[in-house]
Protein backbone atom coordinates (compact mmCIF):
# COMPACT_ATOMS: atom_id res chain seq x y z
CA MET A 1 -14.57 16.75 24.04
CA SER A 2 -11.57 17.49 26.24
CA ARG A 3 -9.69 20.77 26.19
CA PHE A 4 -6.62 19.03 24.76
CA THR A 5 -8.65 17.35 22.02
CA ASN A 6 -10.22 20.64 21.01
CA SER A 7 -6.80 22.31 20.95
CA SER A 8 -5.38 19.49 18.82
CA GLN A 9 -8.13 19.97 16.24
CA VAL A 10 -7.52 23.71 16.11
CA GLU A 11 -3.80 23.15 15.61
CA PHE A 12 -4.39 20.49 12.94
CA GLU A 13 -6.73 22.73 10.96
CA ALA A 14 -4.12 25.49 11.13
CA GLY A 15 -1.48 23.16 9.70
CA ARG A 16 0.59 23.09 12.89
CA PHE A 17 0.88 19.33 12.91
CA HIS A 18 3.63 18.87 15.49
CA THR A 19 1.67 20.92 18.03
CA ALA A 20 -1.49 19.00 17.13
CA ILE A 21 0.38 15.79 17.87
CA GLN A 22 1.41 17.02 21.28
CA PHE A 23 -2.10 18.10 22.28
CA SER A 24 -3.69 14.87 21.02
CA GLN A 25 -1.08 12.83 22.89
CA TYR A 26 -2.00 14.69 26.09
CA ALA A 27 -5.67 13.93 25.39
CA VAL A 28 -5.23 10.18 24.90
CA SER A 29 -2.95 9.95 27.92
CA GLN A 30 -5.90 11.20 29.97
CA ASN A 31 -8.54 9.16 28.15
CA ASP A 32 -7.49 6.35 25.85
CA GLU A 33 -11.08 6.05 24.57
CA ASP A 34 -11.09 9.55 23.11
CA ALA A 35 -11.72 8.65 19.47
CA ASP A 36 -11.44 12.24 18.24
CA ALA A 37 -8.02 12.62 19.84
CA TRP A 38 -6.77 9.38 18.30
CA LEU A 39 -8.10 10.57 14.94
CA VAL A 40 -6.33 13.93 15.07
CA LEU A 41 -3.17 12.21 16.25
CA GLY A 42 -3.24 9.78 13.35
CA MET A 43 -4.03 12.40 10.72
CA SER A 44 -1.30 14.70 12.06
CA LEU A 45 1.25 11.90 11.99
CA ILE A 46 0.24 11.17 8.38
CA GLU A 47 1.11 14.76 7.49
CA ILE A 48 4.70 14.30 8.70
CA SER A 49 5.00 10.78 7.25
CA GLU A 50 5.30 8.99 10.59
CA TRP A 51 3.56 5.97 9.10
CA PRO A 52 3.69 3.25 11.82
CA ASP A 53 2.56 5.59 14.59
CA ALA A 54 -0.12 7.04 12.32
CA ILE A 55 -1.44 3.55 11.60
CA ASP A 56 -1.55 2.73 15.29
CA ALA A 57 -3.48 5.92 16.08
CA LEU A 58 -5.99 5.54 13.24
CA GLU A 59 -6.56 1.89 14.07
CA ASN A 60 -7.29 2.90 17.67
CA ALA A 61 -9.74 5.52 16.41
CA SER A 62 -11.45 2.96 14.16
CA LEU A 63 -12.01 0.64 17.12
CA LEU A 64 -13.90 3.42 18.89
CA GLN A 65 -15.94 4.82 16.01
CA PRO A 66 -16.30 4.26 12.23
CA LEU A 67 -13.81 6.27 10.19
CA ASP A 68 -14.98 8.75 7.58
CA ASN A 69 -13.64 8.49 4.04
CA LEU A 70 -10.65 10.80 4.45
CA PRO A 71 -9.08 9.01 7.45
CA ARG A 72 -9.85 5.66 5.80
CA ILE A 73 -7.96 6.82 2.72
CA SER A 74 -5.10 8.12 4.88
CA LEU A 75 -4.89 4.82 6.74
CA ALA A 76 -4.79 2.93 3.44
CA ILE A 77 -2.01 5.18 2.14
CA ALA A 78 -0.06 4.61 5.36
CA TYR A 79 -0.35 0.84 4.91
CA GLY A 80 1.06 1.22 1.41
CA ALA A 81 3.92 3.36 2.70
CA ILE A 82 5.12 0.57 4.99
CA GLY A 83 4.85 -2.09 2.28
CA HIS A 84 1.36 -3.55 2.80
CA ARG A 85 0.40 -2.90 -0.80
CA LYS A 86 -2.44 -5.37 -1.21
CA LEU A 87 -4.13 -4.16 1.96
CA SER A 88 -3.64 -0.57 0.84
CA ARG A 89 -5.12 -1.27 -2.61
CA ASP A 90 -8.11 -3.13 -1.19
CA LEU A 91 -8.94 -0.38 1.28
CA LEU A 92 -8.53 2.38 -1.30
CA MET A 93 -10.72 0.57 -3.80
CA ALA A 94 -13.34 -0.07 -1.12
CA VAL A 95 -13.71 3.68 -0.65
CA ALA A 96 -13.47 4.41 -4.39
CA THR A 97 -16.30 2.01 -5.22
CA SER A 98 -18.49 2.89 -2.25
CA GLY A 99 -20.29 5.64 -4.09
CA THR A 100 -19.64 8.03 -1.20
CA ALA A 101 -16.26 9.52 -2.20
CA ASN A 102 -16.23 13.07 -3.52
CA ALA A 103 -13.88 14.34 -6.23
CA ASP A 104 -11.16 15.49 -3.80
CA GLU A 105 -11.24 12.15 -2.01
CA LEU A 106 -11.03 10.29 -5.32
CA LEU A 107 -7.92 12.30 -6.21
CA LYS A 108 -6.35 11.29 -2.90
CA ILE A 109 -7.27 7.68 -3.65
CA ALA A 110 -5.62 8.03 -7.05
CA ALA A 111 -2.42 9.34 -5.46
CA GLY A 112 -2.44 6.43 -3.01
CA LEU A 113 -2.91 3.91 -5.81
CA GLU A 114 -0.12 5.43 -7.88
CA ALA A 115 2.18 5.25 -4.83
CA ILE A 116 1.70 1.46 -4.72
CA ASP A 117 2.31 1.13 -8.47
CA GLN A 118 -1.32 0.88 -9.56
CA PRO A 119 -1.47 3.65 -12.21
CA ARG A 120 -4.39 2.12 -14.12
CA LEU A 121 -6.53 2.08 -11.00
CA ALA A 122 -5.32 5.60 -10.22
CA MET A 123 -6.40 6.79 -13.66
CA GLU A 124 -9.81 5.17 -13.17
CA ALA A 125 -10.21 6.96 -9.82
CA CYS A 126 -9.42 10.24 -11.61
CA ARG A 127 -11.95 9.42 -14.30
CA GLN A 128 -14.60 8.90 -11.63
CA ALA A 129 -13.64 12.24 -10.09
CA GLY A 130 -14.00 13.81 -13.54
CA LYS A 131 -17.60 12.66 -13.72
CA GLN A 132 -18.32 14.75 -10.63
CA THR A 133 -16.33 17.85 -11.63
CA PRO A 134 -15.65 17.69 -15.40
CA ASP A 135 -14.10 21.17 -15.54
CA ALA A 136 -11.58 20.62 -12.75
CA SER A 137 -8.14 21.24 -14.24
CA GLU A 138 -6.31 19.15 -11.62
CA ILE A 139 -8.23 16.03 -12.63
CA HIS A 140 -7.21 16.36 -16.28
CA TYR A 141 -3.61 17.06 -15.30
CA LYS A 142 -3.45 14.03 -13.02
CA MET A 143 -5.06 11.83 -15.68
CA GLY A 144 -2.38 12.95 -18.13
CA TYR A 145 0.31 12.06 -15.61
CA TYR A 146 -1.19 8.64 -14.90
CA ALA A 147 -1.64 8.01 -18.62
CA GLN A 148 2.14 8.25 -18.98
CA LYS A 149 2.57 5.78 -16.14
CA CYS A 150 0.13 3.39 -17.81
CA GLY A 151 2.10 3.42 -21.04
CA HIS A 152 -0.53 5.20 -23.13
CA PRO A 153 0.72 7.05 -26.24
CA ASN A 154 2.34 10.39 -25.48
CA SER A 155 -0.39 12.06 -27.53
CA VAL A 156 -2.98 10.96 -24.93
CA SER A 157 -1.02 12.42 -22.02
CA GLU A 158 -0.28 15.56 -23.96
CA ALA A 159 -3.92 16.16 -24.85
CA LEU A 160 -5.03 15.74 -21.24
CA ILE A 161 -2.33 18.02 -19.84
CA ARG A 162 -2.88 20.67 -22.49
CA HIS A 163 -6.56 20.66 -21.60
CA ALA A 164 -5.64 21.16 -17.94
CA ILE A 165 -3.47 24.14 -18.90
CA ASN A 166 -6.28 25.59 -21.02
CA LEU A 167 -8.59 25.33 -18.00
CA ASP A 168 -6.00 26.97 -15.71
CA PRO A 169 -3.45 28.79 -17.88
CA GLN A 170 -1.74 30.52 -14.92
CA ASN A 171 -0.92 27.28 -13.11
CA ILE A 172 2.86 27.06 -13.06
CA HIS A 173 2.84 23.49 -11.72
CA TYR A 174 1.07 22.22 -14.82
CA ARG A 175 3.41 24.13 -17.09
CA ILE A 176 6.54 22.91 -15.33
CA GLY A 177 5.28 19.32 -15.37
CA PHE A 178 4.39 19.48 -19.05
CA ALA A 179 7.70 21.16 -19.87
CA SER A 180 9.49 18.29 -18.12
CA MET A 181 7.60 15.83 -20.32
CA LEU A 182 8.48 17.78 -23.46
CA ILE A 183 12.15 17.85 -22.46
CA ARG A 184 12.14 14.06 -22.11
CA LEU A 185 10.65 13.86 -25.59
CA GLY A 186 13.39 16.08 -27.01
CA ARG A 187 11.09 19.04 -27.64
CA GLN A 188 13.16 21.66 -25.86
CA ASN A 189 11.93 24.67 -27.84
CA GLU A 190 8.31 23.90 -26.99
CA ALA A 191 9.28 23.45 -23.35
CA ILE A 192 10.91 26.89 -23.22
CA THR A 193 7.86 28.50 -24.84
CA LEU A 194 5.64 26.87 -22.24
CA VAL A 195 7.45 28.41 -19.25
CA ASP A 196 9.06 31.45 -20.84
CA HIS A 197 6.74 34.10 -19.39
CA PHE A 198 6.37 32.40 -16.02
CA ILE A 199 10.01 32.08 -14.93
CA PRO A 200 11.07 33.87 -12.77
CA ALA A 201 7.67 35.52 -12.11
CA LYS A 202 6.17 32.38 -10.52
CA LEU A 203 9.35 30.54 -9.62
CA ASP A 204 8.61 30.73 -5.88
CA GLU A 205 5.44 28.68 -6.44
CA VAL A 206 7.34 25.68 -7.84
CA THR A 207 7.86 22.91 -5.26
CA CYS A 208 9.19 20.02 -7.37
CA ALA A 209 12.99 19.99 -7.21
CA CYS A 210 13.29 17.28 -9.89
CA CYS A 211 11.24 19.30 -12.36
CA LEU A 212 13.25 22.41 -11.55
CA LYS A 213 16.49 20.56 -12.30
CA ARG A 214 15.22 19.77 -15.79
CA ILE A 215 14.14 23.37 -16.32
CA ALA A 216 17.47 24.67 -15.02
CA ASN A 217 19.33 22.41 -17.46
CA LEU A 218 17.00 23.56 -20.23
CA PHE A 219 17.83 27.20 -19.58
CA PHE A 220 21.53 26.38 -19.24
CA ASP A 221 21.60 24.54 -22.57
CA SER A 222 19.87 27.54 -24.14
CA ASP A 223 22.57 29.87 -22.77
CA ASP A 224 20.06 31.51 -20.44
CA ILE A 225 22.48 31.41 -17.53
CA GLU A 226 20.61 33.89 -15.36
CA ARG A 227 17.38 31.90 -15.27
CA ALA A 228 19.32 28.66 -14.84
CA ARG A 229 20.93 30.25 -11.76
CA MET A 230 17.52 31.31 -10.41
CA CYS A 231 16.22 27.76 -10.76
CA ALA A 232 19.31 26.40 -8.99
CA GLU A 233 18.79 28.82 -6.11
CA ARG A 234 15.15 27.75 -5.81
CA ILE A 235 16.25 24.08 -5.70
CA ALA A 236 18.70 24.90 -2.90
CA LYS A 237 15.90 26.58 -0.92
CA LEU A 238 13.62 23.58 -1.36
CA ASN A 239 16.37 21.21 -0.22
CA GLU A 240 17.13 23.38 2.81
CA SER A 241 13.44 23.51 3.74
CA ALA A 242 13.16 19.72 3.45
CA GLN A 243 16.19 19.27 5.72
CA ASP A 244 14.75 21.68 8.30
CA SER A 245 11.44 19.81 8.26
CA SER A 246 13.24 16.49 8.75
CA ARG A 247 15.20 17.84 11.71
CA HIS A 248 12.03 19.24 13.24
CA SER A 249 10.29 15.91 12.87
CA LYS A 250 13.12 14.04 14.57
CA THR A 251 13.36 16.43 17.50
CA SER A 252 9.62 16.79 18.15
CA ALA A 253 7.87 14.56 20.66
CA VAL A 254 5.86 11.86 18.93
């Protein structure tokens, strides 16, 4: 393994994806048969949503060595992101039905399937993950989310999400997501009860701006102006961070 390839892997594992891209590009410029460098390059580009270049890198890696499940899933998701939905679905299902995918990989497959408008297949992938780790709260939460997308009765989604919250009662993401669902159903009082003791204490953990907008409106309609303001400030921070990330992506060498 070259020095640049090793450095790219270190940077990728540390979450410094733009630096990982640079090191892996140096590596493949010196040796275009360095499968590990192509792999890190592709996976890093996936992380910043540079789909066409990620596909090119992962395809190059696959020509040099078989891809493990995670890069295969990432490649399939990238295909879906550029509009190749059938190819994406087929590749995701190939991994899902291979008998080799672990629970985390099945959740990634589910997310990829939902992204190409296949919520029923996504829910089935979650169900398979649940067989491996039946007490994993994230699986129950995601199944509740996909159940809504599939058109199941609200009671089904609610039961699944409530179970996820019971398994992980401190998880603010589950509570915010469920509160958003309750707001859409006109159950504002229940929504407030769900998040009442967690906002603002865990507000900095919330990363979904759309959900926060609903919660901010909920507080505003309940004359809780101070917490509505806090939610609005958090939304502004998230938007600013997203803009900074976009500018960084455009100015970095790819």
